[in-house]
C-alpha atoms as a PDB file:
ATOM      1  CA  MET A   1       0.000   0.000   0.000  1.00  0.00           C
ATOM      2  CA  ASP A   2       1.688   3.194  -1.136  1.00  0.00           C
ATOM      3  CA  GLU A   3      -0.425   5.723   0.719  1.00  0.00           C
ATOM      4  CA  LYS A   4      -1.655   4.709   4.156  1.00  0.00           C
ATOM      5  CA  ALA A   5      -5.276   5.372   5.064  1.00  0.00           C
ATOM      6  CA  PRO A   6      -5.876   7.258   8.339  1.00  0.00           C
ATOM      7  CA  VAL A   7      -5.747   5.066  11.422  1.00  0.00           C
ATOM      8  CA  ALA A   8      -7.808   5.445  14.601  1.00  0.00           C
ATOM      9  CA  ILE A   9      -6.672   3.944  17.915  1.00  0.00           C
ATOM     10  CA  ARG A  10      -9.482   2.550  20.096  1.00  0.00           C
ATOM     11  CA  PRO A  11      -9.611   0.502  23.293  1.00  0.00           C
ATOM     12  CA  PHE A  12      -9.387  -3.206  22.470  1.00  0.00           C
ATOM     13  CA  CYS A  13     -12.555  -5.064  23.418  1.00  0.00           C
ATOM     14  CA  ILE A  14     -13.648  -8.675  23.059  1.00  0.00           C
ATOM     15  CA  GLY A  15     -15.743  -7.672  20.042  1.00  0.00           C
ATOM     16  CA  HIS A  16     -12.458  -7.198  18.179  1.00  0.00           C
ATOM     17  CA  TYR A  17     -11.336 -10.754  18.907  1.00  0.00           C
ATOM     18  CA  HIS A  18     -12.234 -12.485  15.633  1.00  0.00           C
ATOM     19  CA  LYS A  19     -10.610  -9.798  13.475  1.00  0.00           C
ATOM     20  CA  ALA A  20      -7.549  -9.805  15.746  1.00  0.00           C
ATOM     21  CA  ALA A  21      -7.249 -13.598  15.753  1.00  0.00           C
ATOM     22  CA  ALA A  22      -7.420 -13.658  11.946  1.00  0.00           C
ATOM     23  CA  LEU A  23      -4.584 -11.126  11.822  1.00  0.00           C
ATOM     24  CA  TRP A  24      -2.526 -12.979  14.455  1.00  0.00           C
ATOM     25  CA  ARG A  25      -2.623 -16.125  12.343  1.00  0.00           C
ATOM     26  CA  ARG A  26      -1.161 -14.207   9.361  1.00  0.00           C
ATOM     27  CA  ILE A  27       1.818 -12.751  11.239  1.00  0.00           C
ATOM     28  CA  PRO A  28       5.003 -14.877  11.119  1.00  0.00           C
ATOM     29  CA  GLY A  29       6.566 -15.381  14.531  1.00  0.00           C
ATOM     30  CA  MET A  30       3.351 -14.848  16.523  1.00  0.00           C
ATOM     31  CA  GLY A  31       3.217 -17.417  19.333  1.00  0.00           C
ATOM     32  CA  LEU A  32      -0.376 -18.481  19.896  1.00  0.00           C
ATOM     33  CA  ARG A  33      -1.798 -20.948  22.423  1.00  0.00           C
ATOM     34  CA  SER A  34      -5.040 -22.869  22.026  1.00  0.00           C
ATOM     35  CA  VAL A  35      -6.429 -21.942  25.473  1.00  0.00           C
ATOM     36  CA  ASP A  36      -4.710 -18.645  26.319  1.00  0.00           C
ATOM     37  CA  ASP A  37      -5.454 -17.096  22.935  1.00  0.00           C
ATOM     38  CA  SER A  38      -8.975 -18.453  22.529  1.00  0.00           C
ATOM     39  CA  LEU A  39     -11.999 -16.157  22.735  1.00  0.00           C
ATOM     40  CA  GLN A  40     -12.445 -17.178  26.375  1.00  0.00           C
ATOM     41  CA  GLY A  41      -8.757 -16.720  27.185  1.00  0.00           C
ATOM     42  CA  ILE A  42      -8.619 -13.225  25.731  1.00  0.00           C
ATOM     43  CA  ALA A  43     -11.941 -12.328  27.413  1.00  0.00           C
ATOM     44  CA  ARG A  44     -10.435 -13.373  30.767  1.00  0.00           C
ATOM     45  CA  PHE A  45      -7.353 -11.244  30.062  1.00  0.00           C
ATOM     46  CA  LEU A  46      -9.458  -8.197  29.123  1.00  0.00           C
ATOM     47  CA  ASP A  47     -11.694  -8.626  32.195  1.00  0.00           C
ATOM     48  CA  ARG A  48      -8.572  -8.438  34.364  1.00  0.00           C
ATOM     49  CA  ASN A  49      -7.027  -5.606  32.311  1.00  0.00           C
ATOM     50  CA  PRO A  50      -9.926  -3.630  30.821  1.00  0.00           C
ATOM     51  CA  ASP A  51      -8.163  -0.331  30.060  1.00  0.00           C
ATOM     52  CA  THR A  52      -4.677  -1.150  28.796  1.00  0.00           C
ATOM     53  CA  SER A  53      -5.092  -2.870  25.400  1.00  0.00           C
ATOM     54  CA  PHE A  54      -5.702  -1.064  22.113  1.00  0.00           C
ATOM     55  CA  ALA A  55      -6.697  -1.675  18.498  1.00  0.00           C
ATOM     56  CA  ALA A  56      -5.852   0.292  15.367  1.00  0.00           C
ATOM     57  CA  PHE A  57      -8.519   0.643  12.703  1.00  0.00           C
ATOM     58  CA  SER A  58      -8.475   1.951   9.171  1.00  0.00           C
ATOM     59  CA  GLY A  59     -12.178   2.377   8.514  1.00  0.00           C
ATOM     60  CA  ASP A  60     -13.738  -0.903   9.669  1.00  0.00           C
ATOM     61  CA  ALA A  61     -10.544  -2.905   9.138  1.00  0.00           C
ATOM     62  CA  LEU A  62      -8.515  -3.831  12.193  1.00  0.00           C
ATOM     63  CA  VAL A  63      -4.915  -3.189  11.117  1.00  0.00           C
ATOM     64  CA  GLY A  64      -3.076  -3.582  14.421  1.00  0.00           C
ATOM     65  CA  ALA A  65      -3.417  -4.213  18.113  1.00  0.00           C
ATOM     66  CA  ILE A  66      -1.529  -4.464  21.358  1.00  0.00           C
ATOM     67  CA  LEU A  67      -2.574  -6.567  24.327  1.00  0.00           C
ATOM     68  CA  CYS A  68      -1.240  -5.061  27.514  1.00  0.00           C
ATOM     69  CA  GLY A  69      -1.885  -5.715  31.174  1.00  0.00           C
ATOM     70  CA  HIS A  70      -0.314  -5.698  34.587  1.00  0.00           C
ATOM     71  CA  ASP A  71      -0.187  -7.622  37.824  1.00  0.00           C
ATOM     72  CA  GLY A  72      -0.187  -4.516  40.041  1.00  0.00           C
ATOM     73  CA  ARG A  73       3.595  -4.316  39.957  1.00  0.00           C
ATOM     74  CA  ARG A  74       4.825  -4.781  36.384  1.00  0.00           C
ATOM     75  CA  GLY A  75       3.228  -4.172  33.023  1.00  0.00           C
ATOM     76  CA  TYR A  76       3.380  -6.775  30.277  1.00  0.00           C
ATOM     77  CA  ILE A  77       2.896  -6.433  26.554  1.00  0.00           C
ATOM     78  CA  TYR A  78       1.582  -9.301  24.440  1.00  0.00           C
ATOM     79  CA  HIS A  79       0.568  -9.848  20.830  1.00  0.00           C
ATOM     80  CA  THR A  80       1.631  -6.546  19.361  1.00  0.00           C
ATOM     81  CA  TYR A  81       1.127  -6.637  15.630  1.00  0.00           C
ATOM     82  CA  VAL A  82       0.516  -4.386  12.661  1.00  0.00           C
ATOM     83  CA  ASP A  83      -0.798  -5.509   9.293  1.00  0.00           C
ATOM     84  CA  PRO A  84       2.179  -5.496   6.895  1.00  0.00           C
ATOM     85  CA  ASP A  85       0.334  -3.042   4.624  1.00  0.00           C
ATOM     86  CA  PHE A  86       0.345  -0.495   7.481  1.00  0.00           C
ATOM     87  CA  ARG A  87       3.909  -0.918   8.707  1.00  0.00           C
ATOM     88  CA  GLY A  88       6.033   2.189   8.452  1.00  0.00           C
ATOM     89  CA  ALA A  89       3.079   4.462   9.262  1.00  0.00           C
ATOM     90  CA  SER A  90       3.788   4.656  13.038  1.00  0.00           C
ATOM     91  CA  VAL A  91       0.817   2.403  13.896  1.00  0.00           C
ATOM     92  CA  GLY A  92       2.960   0.184  16.133  1.00  0.00           C
ATOM     93  CA  ARG A  93       4.510   3.205  17.814  1.00  0.00           C
ATOM     94  CA  LEU A  94       1.057   4.690  18.514  1.00  0.00           C
ATOM     95  CA  LEU A  95      -0.254   1.416  19.939  1.00  0.00           C
ATOM     96  CA  CYS A  96       2.795   1.140  22.192  1.00  0.00           C
ATOM     97  CA  GLU A  97       2.473   4.753  23.362  1.00  0.00           C
ATOM     98  CA  TYR A  98      -1.216   4.254  24.215  1.00  0.00           C
ATOM     99  CA  ALA A  99      -0.471   1.064  26.153  1.00  0.00           C
ATOM    100  CA  LEU A 100       2.421   2.565  28.109  1.00  0.00           C
ATOM    101  CA  ALA A 101       0.375   5.679  28.942  1.00  0.00           C
ATOM    102  CA  ALA A 102      -2.434   3.416  30.212  1.00  0.00           C
ATOM    103  CA  LEU A 103       0.032   1.531  32.419  1.00  0.00           C
ATOM    104  CA  LYS A 104       1.400   4.804  33.818  1.00  0.00           C
ATOM    105  CA  LYS A 105      -2.146   5.971  34.542  1.00  0.00           C
ATOM    106  CA  GLU A 106      -2.606   2.810  36.629  1.00  0.00           C
ATOM    107  CA  GLY A 107       0.587   3.479  38.605  1.00  0.00           C
ATOM    108  CA  ILE A 108       2.792   0.930  36.852  1.00  0.00           C
ATOM    109  CA  THR A 109       6.424   2.059  36.574  1.00  0.00           C
ATOM    110  CA  ARG A 110       8.067  -0.720  34.543  1.00  0.00           C
ATOM    111  CA  ALA A 111       6.998  -2.959  31.663  1.00  0.00           C
ATOM    112  CA  ALA A 112       8.319  -6.128  30.052  1.00  0.00           C
ATOM    113  CA  LEU A 113       7.646  -8.263  27.008  1.00  0.00           C
ATOM    114  CA  VAL A 114       8.814 -11.455  25.335  1.00  0.00           C
ATOM    115  CA  CYS A 115       9.768 -11.599  21.665  1.00  0.00           C
ATOM    116  CA  PHE A 116      10.939 -14.803  19.988  1.00  0.00           C
ATOM    117  CA  LYS A 117      14.620 -14.740  19.007  1.00  0.00           C
ATOM    118  CA  ASP A 118      13.845 -15.485  15.365  1.00  0.00           C
ATOM    119  CA  ASN A 119      11.203 -12.730  15.074  1.00  0.00           C
ATOM    120  CA  ASP A 120      13.420 -10.248  13.253  1.00  0.00           C
ATOM    121  CA  VAL A 121      10.594  -7.783  12.554  1.00  0.00           C
ATOM    122  CA  GLY A 122       9.457  -7.773  16.185  1.00  0.00           C
ATOM    123  CA  ASN A 123      12.951  -7.545  17.639  1.00  0.00           C
ATOM    124  CA  GLY A 124      13.819  -4.714  15.285  1.00  0.00           C
ATOM    125  CA  PHE A 125      10.649  -2.852  16.259  1.00  0.00           C
ATOM    126  CA  TRP A 126      11.213  -3.161  20.016  1.00  0.00           C
ATOM    127  CA  ALA A 127      14.859  -2.098  19.721  1.00  0.00           C
ATOM    128  CA  ALA A 128      13.815   0.928  17.638  1.00  0.00           C
ATOM    129  CA  MET A 129      11.237   1.792  20.316  1.00  0.00           C
ATOM    130  CA  GLY A 130      14.023   1.981  22.916  1.00  0.00           C
ATOM    131  CA  TRP A 131      13.375  -1.292  24.737  1.00  0.00           C
ATOM    132  CA  GLN A 132      16.519  -2.949  26.091  1.00  0.00           C
ATOM    133  CA  ARG A 133      17.062  -6.642  25.501  1.00  0.00           C
ATOM    134  CA  ARG A 134      18.058  -8.402  28.701  1.00  0.00           C
ATOM    135  CA  ASP A 135      20.783 -10.998  28.735  1.00  0.00           C
ATOM    136  CA  ASP A 136      20.951 -11.356  32.509  1.00  0.00           C
ATOM    137  CA  LEU A 137      18.024 -13.729  32.968  1.00  0.00           C
ATOM    138  CA  PHE A 138      16.404 -16.897  31.710  1.00  0.00           C
ATOM    139  CA  TYR A 139      12.746 -17.099  30.774  1.00  0.00           C
ATOM    140  CA  TYR A 140      11.006 -20.204  32.157  1.00  0.00           C
ATOM    141  CA  GLY A 141       7.603 -21.612  31.327  1.00  0.00           C
ATOM    142  CA  TYR A 142       5.513 -24.312  32.972  1.00  0.00           C
ATOM    143  CA  ALA A 143       2.376 -25.830  31.455  1.00  0.00           C
ATOM    144  CA  LEU A 144      -0.549 -26.085  33.854  1.00  0.00           C
ATOM    145  CA  ASP A 145      -2.803 -27.356  31.050  1.00  0.00           C
ATOM    146  CA  ASP A 146      -1.290 -29.861  28.611  1.00  0.00           C
ATOM    147  CA  GLY A 147      -4.072 -28.975  26.158  1.00  0.00           C
ATOM    148  CA  ASN A 148      -2.829 -25.398  25.863  1.00  0.00           C
ATOM    149  CA  ILE A 149      -0.760 -25.991  22.730  1.00  0.00           C
END
């Protein structure tokens, strides 16, 4: 797309789920789980974090989103994505700024995220946004539900 259509940033709500899930499945390097990223899983996340996630729309088309929440101490960013046709138009930057401002409004002073090592687009974006990659820790995961694949 040579000329980008105007983009509006709105709070992400569960009504955006199906459009978001369709976009997630198109983005290389997006790690999705069958339970956590289901309609019910995202609804649970949004119920716990109702004011910190955002969607970008061009007309009626969802062209990007950021899921963001916190545990009362640290903020966490998940599933940040922008439709490839809208990259380079500051959509990702806007989504990130909205999410970080929402965290600040809720008294959160530090945020973190996970990006797969082989996600060159994502890693490049986060580095350009000023996020520092940490080499001083290991990330561990533990499955509480073997069906969450």
